[in-house]
Amino acid sequence: MKKFLVVLMTFFAGTVLAATPRTAVLDVENMTCPTCSITIEKALDRVPGVSNVQVDAKAATVTVSFDAERTNVPALARTVSDAGFPAKARPNGG
């Protein structure tokens, strides 16, 4: 019984740690209208592991919450750039 509990606790601890999202802030160029925000959101929503996207056109930033086991910051910046908006990650995520 003790062995079962140890295995069960280990499983749940691993699940909680894996589910912790990371956040990255990208500086983005060429955002000129509300449609730009929608285009960026749709592009990032297609990336596996992305859980939240916030576009701030005035600040020219995109904040992305994601699962680091499924994607990474360079892939997020590349996705936004490929959508037509050159993007660079801020150092240290924010």
PDB file of N, CA and C in Angstrom:
ATOM      1  N   MET A   1       0.821  -1.196   0.000  1.00  0.00           N
ATOM      2  CA  MET A   1       0.000   0.000   0.000  1.00  0.00           C
ATOM      3  C   MET A   1       0.869   1.266   0.000  1.00  0.00           C
ATOM      4  N   LYS A   2       1.945   1.261   0.795  1.00  0.00           N
ATOM      5  CA  LYS A   2       2.819   2.425   0.844  1.00  0.00           C
ATOM      6  C   LYS A   2       3.465   2.675  -0.508  1.00  0.00           C
ATOM      7  N   LYS A   3       3.850   1.618  -1.184  1.00  0.00           N
ATOM      8  CA  LYS A   3       4.479   1.759  -2.494  1.00  0.00           C
ATOM      9  C   LYS A   3       3.508   2.406  -3.486  1.00  0.00           C
ATOM     10  N   PHE A   4       2.257   1.992  -3.424  1.00  0.00           N
ATOM     11  CA  PHE A   4       1.234   2.563  -4.294  1.00  0.00           C
ATOM     12  C   PHE A   4       1.076   4.057  -4.037  1.00  0.00           C
ATOM     13  N   LEU A   5       1.043   4.456  -2.772  1.00  0.00           N
ATOM     14  CA  LEU A   5       0.902   5.868  -2.430  1.00  0.00           C
ATOM     15  C   LEU A   5       2.096   6.686  -2.908  1.00  0.00           C
ATOM     16  N   VAL A   6       3.286   6.135  -2.784  1.00  0.00           N
ATOM     17  CA  VAL A   6       4.484   6.834  -3.258  1.00  0.00           C
ATOM     18  C   VAL A   6       4.412   7.042  -4.772  1.00  0.00           C
ATOM     19  N   VAL A   7       4.012   6.014  -5.489  1.00  0.00           N
ATOM     20  CA  VAL A   7       3.877   6.117  -6.944  1.00  0.00           C
ATOM     21  C   VAL A   7       2.815   7.149  -7.303  1.00  0.00           C
ATOM     22  N   LEU A   8       1.696   7.108  -6.609  1.00  0.00           N
ATOM     23  CA  LEU A   8       0.607   8.041  -6.879  1.00  0.00           C
ATOM     24  C   LEU A   8       1.033   9.477  -6.593  1.00  0.00           C
ATOM     25  N   MET A   9       1.712   9.710  -5.479  1.00  0.00           N
ATOM     26  CA  MET A   9       2.171  11.058  -5.141  1.00  0.00           C
ATOM     27  C   MET A   9       3.210  11.552  -6.140  1.00  0.00           C
ATOM     28  N   THR A  10       4.086  10.689  -6.578  1.00  0.00           N
ATOM     29  CA  THR A  10       5.094  11.057  -7.574  1.00  0.00           C
ATOM     30  C   THR A  10       4.423  11.455  -8.884  1.00  0.00           C
ATOM     31  N   PHE A  11       3.419  10.702  -9.287  1.00  0.00           N
ATOM     32  CA  PHE A  11       2.692  11.004 -10.521  1.00  0.00           C
ATOM     33  C   PHE A  11       2.047  12.383 -10.443  1.00  0.00           C
ATOM     34  N   PHE A  12       1.339  12.654  -9.351  1.00  0.00           N
ATOM     35  CA  PHE A  12       0.654  13.935  -9.221  1.00  0.00           C
ATOM     36  C   PHE A  12       1.637  15.097  -9.108  1.00  0.00           C
ATOM     37  N   ALA A  13       2.744  14.912  -8.435  1.00  0.00           N
ATOM     38  CA  ALA A  13       3.761  15.963  -8.343  1.00  0.00           C
ATOM     39  C   ALA A  13       4.318  16.272  -9.728  1.00  0.00           C
ATOM     40  N   GLY A  14       4.585  15.249 -10.521  1.00  0.00           N
ATOM     41  CA  GLY A  14       5.076  15.445 -11.883  1.00  0.00           C
ATOM     42  C   GLY A  14       4.061  16.139 -12.759  1.00  0.00           C
ATOM     43  N   THR A  15       2.794  15.822 -12.575  1.00  0.00           N
ATOM     44  CA  THR A  15       1.732  16.446 -13.355  1.00  0.00           C
ATOM     45  C   THR A  15       1.633  17.934 -13.032  1.00  0.00           C
ATOM     46  N   VAL A  16       1.713  18.283 -11.765  1.00  0.00           N
ATOM     47  CA  VAL A  16       1.624  19.683 -11.362  1.00  0.00           C
ATOM     48  C   VAL A  16       2.803  20.461 -11.900  1.00  0.00           C
ATOM     49  N   LEU A  17       4.003  19.919 -11.809  1.00  0.00           N
ATOM     50  CA  LEU A  17       5.184  20.616 -12.314  1.00  0.00           C
ATOM     51  C   LEU A  17       5.140  20.776 -13.820  1.00  0.00           C
ATOM     52  N   ALA A  18       4.676  19.779 -14.535  1.00  0.00           N
ATOM     53  CA  ALA A  18       4.619  19.842 -15.997  1.00  0.00           C
ATOM     54  C   ALA A  18       3.571  20.838 -16.468  1.00  0.00           C
ATOM     55  N   ALA A  19       2.558  21.063 -15.673  1.00  0.00           N
ATOM     56  CA  ALA A  19       1.470  21.935 -16.083  1.00  0.00           C
ATOM     57  C   ALA A  19       1.761  23.412 -15.813  1.00  0.00           C
ATOM     58  N   THR A  20       2.866  23.726 -15.168  1.00  0.00           N
ATOM     59  CA  THR A  20       3.191  25.110 -14.858  1.00  0.00           C
ATOM     60  C   THR A  20       3.600  25.841 -16.130  1.00  0.00           C
ATOM     61  N   PRO A  21       2.810  26.833 -16.538  1.00  0.00           N
ATOM     62  CA  PRO A  21       3.138  27.539 -17.781  1.00  0.00           C
ATOM     63  C   PRO A  21       4.280  28.534 -17.587  1.00  0.00           C
ATOM     64  N   ARG A  22       5.009  28.749 -18.654  1.00  0.00           N
ATOM     65  CA  ARG A  22       6.027  29.803 -18.692  1.00  0.00           C
ATOM     66  C   ARG A  22       5.424  30.974 -19.448  1.00  0.00           C
ATOM     67  N   THR A  23       6.001  32.124 -19.264  1.00  0.00           N
ATOM     68  CA  THR A  23       5.523  33.328 -19.949  1.00  0.00           C
ATOM     69  C   THR A  23       6.683  34.003 -20.655  1.00  0.00           C
ATOM     70  N   ALA A  24       6.422  34.447 -21.876  1.00  0.00           N
ATOM     71  CA  ALA A  24       7.416  35.187 -22.649  1.00  0.00           C
ATOM     72  C   ALA A  24       6.779  36.467 -23.159  1.00  0.00           C
ATOM     73  N   VAL A  25       7.576  37.518 -23.213  1.00  0.00           N
ATOM     74  CA  VAL A  25       7.130  38.784 -23.794  1.00  0.00           C
ATOM     75  C   VAL A  25       7.935  39.010 -25.067  1.00  0.00           C
ATOM     76  N   LEU A  26       7.214  39.227 -26.151  1.00  0.00           N
ATOM     77  CA  LEU A  26       7.842  39.470 -27.446  1.00  0.00           C
ATOM     78  C   LEU A  26       7.639  40.922 -27.845  1.00  0.00           C
ATOM     79  N   ASP A  27       8.684  41.569 -28.331  1.00  0.00           N
ATOM     80  CA  ASP A  27       8.558  42.890 -28.944  1.00  0.00           C
ATOM     81  C   ASP A  27       8.237  42.656 -30.409  1.00  0.00           C
ATOM     82  N   VAL A  28       7.163  43.289 -30.881  1.00  0.00           N
ATOM     83  CA  VAL A  28       6.645  43.011 -32.219  1.00  0.00           C
ATOM     84  C   VAL A  28       6.558  44.298 -33.031  1.00  0.00           C
ATOM     85  N   GLU A  29       6.941  44.206 -34.290  1.00  0.00           N
ATOM     86  CA  GLU A  29       6.890  45.360 -35.197  1.00  0.00           C
ATOM     87  C   GLU A  29       5.686  45.247 -36.140  1.00  0.00           C
ATOM     88  N   ASN A  30       5.308  46.355 -36.727  1.00  0.00           N
ATOM     89  CA  ASN A  30       4.314  46.441 -37.798  1.00  0.00           C
ATOM     90  C   ASN A  30       2.869  46.216 -37.366  1.00  0.00           C
ATOM     91  N   MET A  31       2.557  46.301 -36.079  1.00  0.00           N
ATOM     92  CA  MET A  31       1.158  46.194 -35.651  1.00  0.00           C
ATOM     93  C   MET A  31       0.514  47.560 -35.832  1.00  0.00           C
ATOM     94  N   THR A  32      -0.419  47.644 -36.762  1.00  0.00           N
ATOM     95  CA  THR A  32      -1.007  48.938 -37.082  1.00  0.00           C
ATOM     96  C   THR A  32      -2.519  49.003 -36.906  1.00  0.00           C
ATOM     97  N   CYS A  33      -3.168  47.857 -36.709  1.00  0.00           N
ATOM     98  CA  CYS A  33      -4.627  47.866 -36.629  1.00  0.00           C
ATOM     99  C   CYS A  33      -5.130  46.682 -35.800  1.00  0.00           C
ATOM    100  N   PRO A  34      -6.406  46.666 -35.456  1.00  0.00           N
ATOM    101  CA  PRO A  34      -6.955  45.551 -34.681  1.00  0.00           C
ATOM    102  C   PRO A  34      -6.828  44.197 -35.382  1.00  0.00           C
ATOM    103  N   THR A  35      -6.841  44.192 -36.676  1.00  0.00           N
ATOM    104  CA  THR A  35      -6.706  42.933 -37.408  1.00  0.00           C
ATOM    105  C   THR A  35      -5.326  42.316 -37.184  1.00  0.00           C
ATOM    106  N   CYS A  36      -4.325  43.145 -36.986  1.00  0.00           N
ATOM    107  CA  CYS A  36      -2.978  42.634 -36.706  1.00  0.00           C
ATOM    108  C   CYS A  36      -2.997  41.771 -35.447  1.00  0.00           C
ATOM    109  N   SER A  37      -3.664  42.245 -34.412  1.00  0.00           N
ATOM    110  CA  SER A  37      -3.762  41.497 -33.162  1.00  0.00           C
ATOM    111  C   SER A  37      -4.430  40.153 -33.381  1.00  0.00           C
ATOM    112  N   ILE A  38      -5.499  40.153 -34.148  1.00  0.00           N
ATOM    113  CA  ILE A  38      -6.226  38.911 -34.423  1.00  0.00           C
ATOM    114  C   ILE A  38      -5.341  37.929 -35.187  1.00  0.00           C
ATOM    115  N   THR A  39      -4.600  38.426 -36.159  1.00  0.00           N
ATOM    116  CA  THR A  39      -3.698  37.572 -36.943  1.00  0.00           C
ATOM    117  C   THR A  39      -2.642  36.929 -36.055  1.00  0.00           C
ATOM    118  N   ILE A  40      -2.058  37.713 -35.163  1.00  0.00           N
ATOM    119  CA  ILE A  40      -1.026  37.199 -34.253  1.00  0.00           C
ATOM    120  C   ILE A  40      -1.625  36.170 -33.293  1.00  0.00           C
ATOM    121  N   GLU A  41      -2.791  36.477 -32.723  1.00  0.00           N
ATOM    122  CA  GLU A  41      -3.447  35.546 -31.801  1.00  0.00           C
ATOM    123  C   GLU A  41      -3.744  34.213 -32.487  1.00  0.00           C
ATOM    124  N   LYS A  42      -4.281  34.269 -33.700  1.00  0.00           N
ATOM    125  CA  LYS A  42      -4.608  33.035 -34.416  1.00  0.00           C
ATOM    126  C   LYS A  42      -3.354  32.218 -34.730  1.00  0.00           C
ATOM    127  N   ALA A  43      -2.287  32.887 -35.106  1.00  0.00           N
ATOM    128  CA  ALA A  43      -1.041  32.177 -35.417  1.00  0.00           C
ATOM    129  C   ALA A  43      -0.507  31.470 -34.172  1.00  0.00           C
ATOM    130  N   LEU A  44      -0.505  32.156 -33.043  1.00  0.00           N
ATOM    131  CA  LEU A  44       0.021  31.560 -31.816  1.00  0.00           C
ATOM    132  C   LEU A  44      -0.908  30.493 -31.244  1.00  0.00           C
ATOM    133  N   ASP A  45      -2.202  30.647 -31.456  1.00  0.00           N
ATOM    134  CA  ASP A  45      -3.155  29.634 -30.975  1.00  0.00           C
ATOM    135  C   ASP A  45      -2.937  28.283 -31.655  1.00  0.00           C
ATOM    136  N   ARG A  46      -2.323  28.290 -32.823  1.00  0.00           N
ATOM    137  CA  ARG A  46      -2.056  27.034 -33.540  1.00  0.00           C
ATOM    138  C   ARG A  46      -0.785  26.333 -33.055  1.00  0.00           C
ATOM    139  N   VAL A  47      -0.010  27.004 -32.216  1.00  0.00           N
ATOM    140  CA  VAL A  47       1.238  26.411 -31.706  1.00  0.00           C
ATOM    141  C   VAL A  47       0.900  25.490 -30.532  1.00  0.00           C
ATOM    142  N   PRO A  48       1.265  24.215 -30.611  1.00  0.00           N
ATOM    143  CA  PRO A  48       0.999  23.316 -29.497  1.00  0.00           C
ATOM    144  C   PRO A  48       1.676  23.803 -28.219  1.00  0.00           C
ATOM    145  N   GLY A  49       0.924  23.822 -27.137  1.00  0.00           N
ATOM    146  CA  GLY A  49       1.474  24.236 -25.858  1.00  0.00           C
ATOM    147  C   GLY A  49       1.155  25.664 -25.465  1.00  0.00           C
ATOM    148  N   VAL A  50       0.688  26.486 -26.398  1.00  0.00           N
ATOM    149  CA  VAL A  50       0.328  27.869 -26.073  1.00  0.00           C
ATOM    150  C   VAL A  50      -1.022  27.856 -25.360  1.00  0.00           C
ATOM    151  N   SER A  51      -1.065  28.498 -24.185  1.00  0.00           N
ATOM    152  CA  SER A  51      -2.305  28.499 -23.412  1.00  0.00           C
ATOM    153  C   SER A  51      -2.972  29.869 -23.329  1.00  0.00           C
ATOM    154  N   ASN A  52      -2.216  30.941 -23.554  1.00  0.00           N
ATOM    155  CA  ASN A  52      -2.795  32.276 -23.482  1.00  0.00           C
ATOM    156  C   ASN A  52      -1.950  33.244 -24.300  1.00  0.00           C
ATOM    157  N   VAL A  53      -2.632  34.169 -24.976  1.00  0.00           N
ATOM    158  CA  VAL A  53      -1.951  35.195 -25.778  1.00  0.00           C
ATOM    159  C   VAL A  53      -2.598  36.540 -25.463  1.00  0.00           C
ATOM    160  N   GLN A  54      -1.772  37.530 -25.141  1.00  0.00           N
ATOM    161  CA  GLN A  54      -2.253  38.889 -24.924  1.00  0.00           C
ATOM    162  C   GLN A  54      -1.447  39.828 -25.820  1.00  0.00           C
ATOM    163  N   VAL A  55      -2.153  40.504 -26.711  1.00  0.00           N
ATOM    164  CA  VAL A  55      -1.501  41.428 -27.639  1.00  0.00           C
ATOM    165  C   VAL A  55      -1.772  42.853 -27.164  1.00  0.00           C
ATOM    166  N   ASP A  56      -0.720  43.643 -27.040  1.00  0.00           N
ATOM    167  CA  ASP A  56      -0.836  45.053 -26.681  1.00  0.00           C
ATOM    168  C   ASP A  56      -0.256  45.860 -27.844  1.00  0.00           C
ATOM    169  N   ALA A  57      -1.155  46.308 -28.725  1.00  0.00           N
ATOM    170  CA  ALA A  57      -0.712  47.013 -29.926  1.00  0.00           C
ATOM    171  C   ALA A  57      -0.026  48.337 -29.582  1.00  0.00           C
ATOM    172  N   LYS A  58      -0.491  49.037 -28.558  1.00  0.00           N
ATOM    173  CA  LYS A  58       0.114  50.321 -28.185  1.00  0.00           C
ATOM    174  C   LYS A  58       1.547  50.139 -27.705  1.00  0.00           C
ATOM    175  N   ALA A  59       1.784  49.100 -26.921  1.00  0.00           N
ATOM    176  CA  ALA A  59       3.129  48.838 -26.404  1.00  0.00           C
ATOM    177  C   ALA A  59       3.962  48.021 -27.385  1.00  0.00           C
ATOM    178  N   ALA A  60       3.332  47.532 -28.449  1.00  0.00           N
ATOM    179  CA  ALA A  60       3.984  46.695 -29.458  1.00  0.00           C
ATOM    180  C   ALA A  60       4.590  45.435 -28.829  1.00  0.00           C
ATOM    181  N   THR A  61       3.781  44.805 -27.954  1.00  0.00           N
ATOM    182  CA  THR A  61       4.232  43.574 -27.307  1.00  0.00           C
ATOM    183  C   THR A  61       3.167  42.485 -27.403  1.00  0.00           C
ATOM    184  N   VAL A  62       3.641  41.261 -27.309  1.00  0.00           N
ATOM    185  CA  VAL A  62       2.767  40.101 -27.211  1.00  0.00           C
ATOM    186  C   VAL A  62       3.273  39.284 -26.023  1.00  0.00           C
ATOM    187  N   THR A  63       2.376  38.986 -25.098  1.00  0.00           N
ATOM    188  CA  THR A  63       2.710  38.162 -23.935  1.00  0.00           C
ATOM    189  C   THR A  63       2.082  36.794 -24.155  1.00  0.00           C
ATOM    190  N   VAL A  64       2.909  35.767 -24.072  1.00  0.00           N
ATOM    191  CA  VAL A  64       2.458  34.405 -24.373  1.00  0.00           C
ATOM    192  C   VAL A  64       2.738  33.501 -23.180  1.00  0.00           C
ATOM    193  N   SER A  65       1.702  32.779 -22.732  1.00  0.00           N
ATOM    194  CA  SER A  65       1.870  31.727 -21.727  1.00  0.00           C
ATOM    195  C   SER A  65       1.904  30.410 -22.480  1.00  0.00           C
ATOM    196  N   PHE A  66       2.861  29.538 -22.103  1.00  0.00           N
ATOM    197  CA  PHE A  66       3.035  28.305 -22.866  1.00  0.00           C
ATOM    198  C   PHE A  66       3.645  27.211 -22.014  1.00  0.00           C
ATOM    199  N   ASP A  67       3.510  25.986 -22.489  1.00  0.00           N
ATOM    200  CA  ASP A  67       4.102  24.810 -21.864  1.00  0.00           C
ATOM    201  C   ASP A  67       5.484  24.624 -22.487  1.00  0.00           C
ATOM    202  N   ALA A  68       6.527  24.780 -21.674  1.00  0.00           N
ATOM    203  CA  ALA A  68       7.900  24.716 -22.176  1.00  0.00           C
ATOM    204  C   ALA A  68       8.285  23.326 -22.670  1.00  0.00           C
ATOM    205  N   GLU A  69       7.507  22.314 -22.342  1.00  0.00           N
ATOM    206  CA  GLU A  69       7.795  20.972 -22.843  1.00  0.00           C
ATOM    207  C   GLU A  69       7.239  20.766 -24.252  1.00  0.00           C
ATOM    208  N   ARG A  70       6.388  21.682 -24.699  1.00  0.00           N
ATOM    209  CA  ARG A  70       5.771  21.530 -26.015  1.00  0.00           C
ATOM    210  C   ARG A  70       6.244  22.564 -27.033  1.00  0.00           C
ATOM    211  N   THR A  71       6.750  23.693 -26.566  1.00  0.00           N
ATOM    212  CA  THR A  71       7.262  24.728 -27.469  1.00  0.00           C
ATOM    213  C   THR A  71       8.294  25.555 -26.711  1.00  0.00           C
ATOM    214  N   ASN A  72       8.884  26.534 -27.402  1.00  0.00           N
ATOM    215  CA  ASN A  72       9.898  27.375 -26.768  1.00  0.00           C
ATOM    216  C   ASN A  72       9.802  28.800 -27.294  1.00  0.00           C
ATOM    217  N   VAL A  73      10.529  29.700 -26.664  1.00  0.00           N
ATOM    218  CA  VAL A  73      10.445  31.121 -27.010  1.00  0.00           C
ATOM    219  C   VAL A  73      10.882  31.394 -28.446  1.00  0.00           C
ATOM    220  N   PRO A  74      11.986  30.823 -28.931  1.00  0.00           N
ATOM    221  CA  PRO A  74      12.341  31.073 -30.341  1.00  0.00           C
ATOM    222  C   PRO A  74      11.247  30.630 -31.319  1.00  0.00           C
ATOM    223  N   ALA A  75      10.577  29.532 -31.022  1.00  0.00           N
ATOM    224  CA  ALA A  75       9.493  29.066 -31.905  1.00  0.00           C
ATOM    225  C   ALA A  75       8.318  30.043 -31.879  1.00  0.00           C
ATOM    226  N   LEU A  76       8.035  30.616 -30.723  1.00  0.00           N
ATOM    227  CA  LEU A  76       6.952  31.602 -30.624  1.00  0.00           C
ATOM    228  C   LEU A  76       7.293  32.859 -31.420  1.00  0.00           C
ATOM    229  N   ALA A  77       8.521  33.351 -31.272  1.00  0.00           N
ATOM    230  CA  ALA A  77       8.946  34.545 -32.016  1.00  0.00           C
ATOM    231  C   ALA A  77       8.927  34.277 -33.520  1.00  0.00           C
ATOM    232  N   ARG A  78       9.356  33.090 -33.915  1.00  0.00           N
ATOM    233  CA  ARG A  78       9.354  32.722 -35.336  1.00  0.00           C
ATOM    234  C   ARG A  78       7.922  32.663 -35.886  1.00  0.00           C
ATOM    235  N   THR A  79       6.995  32.160 -35.090  1.00  0.00           N
ATOM    236  CA  THR A  79       5.597  32.074 -35.509  1.00  0.00           C
ATOM    237  C   THR A  79       5.026  33.458 -35.774  1.00  0.00           C
ATOM    238  N   VAL A  80       5.298  34.390 -34.867  1.00  0.00           N
ATOM    239  CA  VAL A  80       4.803  35.760 -35.043  1.00  0.00           C
ATOM    240  C   VAL A  80       5.480  36.413 -36.245  1.00  0.00           C
ATOM    241  N   SER A  81       6.763  36.207 -36.392  1.00  0.00           N
ATOM    242  CA  SER A  81       7.493  36.768 -37.541  1.00  0.00           C
ATOM    243  C   SER A  81       6.964  36.203 -38.849  1.00  0.00           C
ATOM    244  N   ASP A  82       6.711  34.890 -38.876  1.00  0.00           N
ATOM    245  CA  ASP A  82       6.181  34.254 -40.087  1.00  0.00           C
ATOM    246  C   ASP A  82       4.783  34.755 -40.430  1.00  0.00           C
ATOM    247  N   ALA A  83       4.056  35.259 -39.441  1.00  0.00           N
ATOM    248  CA  ALA A  83       2.718  35.814 -39.679  1.00  0.00           C
ATOM    249  C   ALA A  83       2.800  37.236 -40.233  1.00  0.00           C
ATOM    250  N   GLY A  84       4.022  37.773 -40.365  1.00  0.00           N
ATOM    251  CA  GLY A  84       4.198  39.095 -40.961  1.00  0.00           C
ATOM    252  C   GLY A  84       4.552  40.200 -39.997  1.00  0.00           C
ATOM    253  N   PHE A  85       4.873  39.809 -38.749  1.00  0.00           N
ATOM    254  CA  PHE A  85       5.178  40.797 -37.731  1.00  0.00           C
ATOM    255  C   PHE A  85       6.505  40.441 -37.068  1.00  0.00           C
ATOM    256  N   PRO A  86       7.603  41.044 -37.534  1.00  0.00           N
ATOM    257  CA  PRO A  86       8.910  40.699 -36.967  1.00  0.00           C
ATOM    258  C   PRO A  86       8.880  40.790 -35.440  1.00  0.00           C
ATOM    259  N   ALA A  87       9.332  39.705 -34.793  1.00  0.00           N
ATOM    260  CA  ALA A  87       9.251  39.630 -33.330  1.00  0.00           C
ATOM    261  C   ALA A  87      10.575  39.164 -32.751  1.00  0.00           C
ATOM    262  N   LYS A  88      10.895  39.726 -31.587  1.00  0.00           N
ATOM    263  CA  LYS A  88      12.071  39.318 -30.836  1.00  0.00           C
ATOM    264  C   LYS A  88      11.676  39.155 -29.379  1.00  0.00           C
ATOM    265  N   ALA A  89      12.187  38.113 -28.751  1.00  0.00           N
ATOM    266  CA  ALA A  89      11.900  37.880 -27.340  1.00  0.00           C
ATOM    267  C   ALA A  89      12.693  38.844 -26.475  1.00  0.00           C
ATOM    268  N   ARG A  90      12.067  39.309 -25.423  1.00  0.00           N
ATOM    269  CA  ARG A  90      12.789  40.120 -24.454  1.00  0.00           C
ATOM    270  C   ARG A  90      13.672  39.212 -23.617  1.00  0.00           C
ATOM    271  N   PRO A  91      14.840  39.693 -23.233  1.00  0.00           N
ATOM    272  CA  PRO A  91      15.714  38.886 -22.380  1.00  0.00           C
ATOM    273  C   PRO A  91      15.001  38.520 -21.071  1.00  0.00           C
ATOM    274  N   ASN A  92      15.232  37.330 -20.598  1.00  0.00           N
ATOM    275  CA  ASN A  92      14.653  36.833 -19.343  1.00  0.00           C
ATOM    276  C   ASN A  92      13.127  36.828 -19.347  1.00  0.00           C
ATOM    277  N   GLY A  93      12.520  36.727 -20.526  1.00  0.00           N
ATOM    278  CA  GLY A  93      11.082  36.566 -20.622  1.00  0.00           C
ATOM    279  C   GLY A  93      10.250  37.811 -20.426  1.00  0.00           C
ATOM    280  N   GLY A  94      10.808  38.908 -20.008  1.00  0.00           N
ATOM    281  CA  GLY A  94       9.908  39.991 -19.824  1.00  0.00           C
ATOM    282  C   GLY A  94      10.432  41.304 -19.580  1.00  0.00           C
TER     283      GLY A  94
END
